[in-house]
Amino acid sequence: MGEYDAVWVFIISLVFVSFYIYIEARPKGSNLFGNISETISRFFRKR
């Protein structure tokens, strides 16, 4: 199994990179990190 470690790393990184490119290539741009920070700040906001 050790001889396939590089293949597994390549496949996993390919999944993450393709997900990131898909998010960034949307027509109105990316708001992924903006949405995450907005959600966190809304969760911790005082009422």
N, C-alpha and C. Protein backbone atom coordinates (compact mmCIF):
# COMPACT_ATOMS: atom_id res chain seq x y z
N MET A 1 0.83 -1.20 0.00
CA MET A 1 0.00 0.00 0.00
C MET A 1 0.87 1.26 0.00
N GLY A 2 2.07 1.16 0.51
CA GLY A 2 2.94 2.32 0.59
C GLY A 2 3.35 2.87 -0.76
N GLU A 3 3.34 2.02 -1.78
CA GLU A 3 3.76 2.50 -3.08
C GLU A 3 2.69 3.36 -3.76
N TYR A 4 1.48 3.38 -3.20
CA TYR A 4 0.39 4.17 -3.77
C TYR A 4 0.12 5.45 -3.00
N ASP A 5 0.98 5.82 -2.05
CA ASP A 5 0.75 7.02 -1.25
C ASP A 5 0.70 8.28 -2.10
N ALA A 6 1.58 8.41 -3.06
CA ALA A 6 1.60 9.58 -3.92
C ALA A 6 0.32 9.67 -4.75
N VAL A 7 -0.20 8.54 -5.16
CA VAL A 7 -1.44 8.52 -5.93
C VAL A 7 -2.61 9.01 -5.08
N TRP A 8 -2.69 8.54 -3.84
CA TRP A 8 -3.77 8.97 -2.94
C TRP A 8 -3.68 10.47 -2.65
N VAL A 9 -2.48 10.97 -2.42
CA VAL A 9 -2.31 12.40 -2.16
C VAL A 9 -2.73 13.20 -3.40
N PHE A 10 -2.37 12.73 -4.57
CA PHE A 10 -2.75 13.42 -5.80
C PHE A 10 -4.26 13.43 -5.98
N ILE A 11 -4.92 12.32 -5.73
CA ILE A 11 -6.38 12.25 -5.91
C ILE A 11 -7.09 13.16 -4.92
N ILE A 12 -6.66 13.14 -3.66
CA ILE A 12 -7.30 13.97 -2.64
C ILE A 12 -7.08 15.45 -2.94
N SER A 13 -5.87 15.82 -3.31
CA SER A 13 -5.62 17.22 -3.65
C SER A 13 -6.37 17.63 -4.91
N LEU A 14 -6.52 16.73 -5.86
CA LEU A 14 -7.28 17.03 -7.07
C LEU A 14 -8.74 17.32 -6.73
N VAL A 15 -9.31 16.58 -5.78
CA VAL A 15 -10.69 16.83 -5.36
C VAL A 15 -10.82 18.22 -4.74
N PHE A 16 -9.90 18.56 -3.83
CA PHE A 16 -9.98 19.87 -3.18
C PHE A 16 -9.76 21.01 -4.17
N VAL A 17 -8.80 20.86 -5.06
CA VAL A 17 -8.51 21.92 -6.02
C VAL A 17 -9.67 22.09 -6.99
N SER A 18 -10.25 21.00 -7.44
CA SER A 18 -11.38 21.11 -8.37
C SER A 18 -12.59 21.74 -7.69
N PHE A 19 -12.81 21.44 -6.41
CA PHE A 19 -13.89 22.09 -5.67
C PHE A 19 -13.64 23.59 -5.55
N TYR A 20 -12.40 23.97 -5.25
CA TYR A 20 -12.07 25.39 -5.12
C TYR A 20 -12.22 26.11 -6.45
N ILE A 21 -11.79 25.50 -7.55
CA ILE A 21 -11.93 26.12 -8.86
C ILE A 21 -13.41 26.24 -9.23
N TYR A 22 -14.22 25.25 -8.90
CA TYR A 22 -15.65 25.32 -9.18
C TYR A 22 -16.30 26.47 -8.42
N ILE A 23 -15.92 26.66 -7.17
CA ILE A 23 -16.48 27.75 -6.37
C ILE A 23 -16.03 29.10 -6.94
N GLU A 24 -14.78 29.22 -7.30
CA GLU A 24 -14.25 30.50 -7.78
C GLU A 24 -14.73 30.84 -9.19
N ALA A 25 -15.11 29.86 -9.99
CA ALA A 25 -15.46 30.11 -11.38
C ALA A 25 -16.94 30.39 -11.57
N ARG A 26 -17.71 30.55 -10.50
CA ARG A 26 -19.11 30.86 -10.65
C ARG A 26 -19.28 32.27 -11.21
N PRO A 27 -20.35 32.53 -11.95
CA PRO A 27 -20.47 33.80 -12.68
C PRO A 27 -20.41 35.04 -11.79
N LYS A 28 -21.05 35.02 -10.63
CA LYS A 28 -21.05 36.22 -9.81
C LYS A 28 -19.87 36.25 -8.84
N GLY A 29 -18.91 35.39 -9.02
CA GLY A 29 -17.73 35.40 -8.17
C GLY A 29 -17.92 34.55 -6.93
N SER A 30 -16.89 34.51 -6.14
CA SER A 30 -16.89 33.65 -4.96
C SER A 30 -17.20 34.44 -3.72
N ASN A 31 -18.06 33.89 -2.92
CA ASN A 31 -18.35 34.46 -1.61
C ASN A 31 -18.23 33.38 -0.54
N LEU A 32 -17.48 32.35 -0.83
CA LEU A 32 -17.42 31.21 0.09
C LEU A 32 -16.88 31.64 1.45
N PHE A 33 -15.72 32.31 1.47
CA PHE A 33 -15.13 32.70 2.74
C PHE A 33 -15.92 33.85 3.36
N GLY A 34 -16.50 34.70 2.54
CA GLY A 34 -17.36 35.76 3.06
C GLY A 34 -18.60 35.19 3.71
N ASN A 35 -19.17 34.16 3.11
CA ASN A 35 -20.36 33.54 3.70
C ASN A 35 -20.02 32.84 5.01
N ILE A 36 -18.85 32.22 5.07
CA ILE A 36 -18.45 31.53 6.30
C ILE A 36 -18.25 32.53 7.43
N SER A 37 -17.54 33.64 7.14
CA SER A 37 -17.31 34.63 8.20
C SER A 37 -18.62 35.31 8.59
N GLU A 38 -19.51 35.54 7.63
CA GLU A 38 -20.80 36.15 7.96
C GLU A 38 -21.62 35.23 8.86
N THR A 39 -21.58 33.94 8.58
CA THR A 39 -22.32 32.99 9.40
C THR A 39 -21.78 32.95 10.82
N ILE A 40 -20.45 32.94 10.94
CA ILE A 40 -19.83 32.90 12.27
C ILE A 40 -20.14 34.18 13.04
N SER A 41 -20.02 35.34 12.37
CA SER A 41 -20.29 36.60 13.06
C SER A 41 -21.77 36.70 13.43
N ARG A 42 -22.65 36.17 12.61
CA ARG A 42 -24.08 36.21 12.94
C ARG A 42 -24.37 35.30 14.13
N PHE A 43 -23.62 34.21 14.22
CA PHE A 43 -23.82 33.28 15.34
C PHE A 43 -23.38 33.92 16.66
N PHE A 44 -22.28 34.70 16.64
CA PHE A 44 -21.74 35.28 17.86
C PHE A 44 -22.23 36.71 18.12
N ARG A 45 -23.14 37.21 17.29
CA ARG A 45 -23.63 38.57 17.44
C ARG A 45 -24.49 38.69 18.70
N LYS A 46 -24.37 39.81 19.38
CA LYS A 46 -25.19 40.04 20.56
C LYS A 46 -26.58 40.46 20.11
N ARG A 47 -27.56 40.03 20.87
CA ARG A 47 -28.94 40.32 20.51
C ARG A 47 -29.44 41.57 21.19
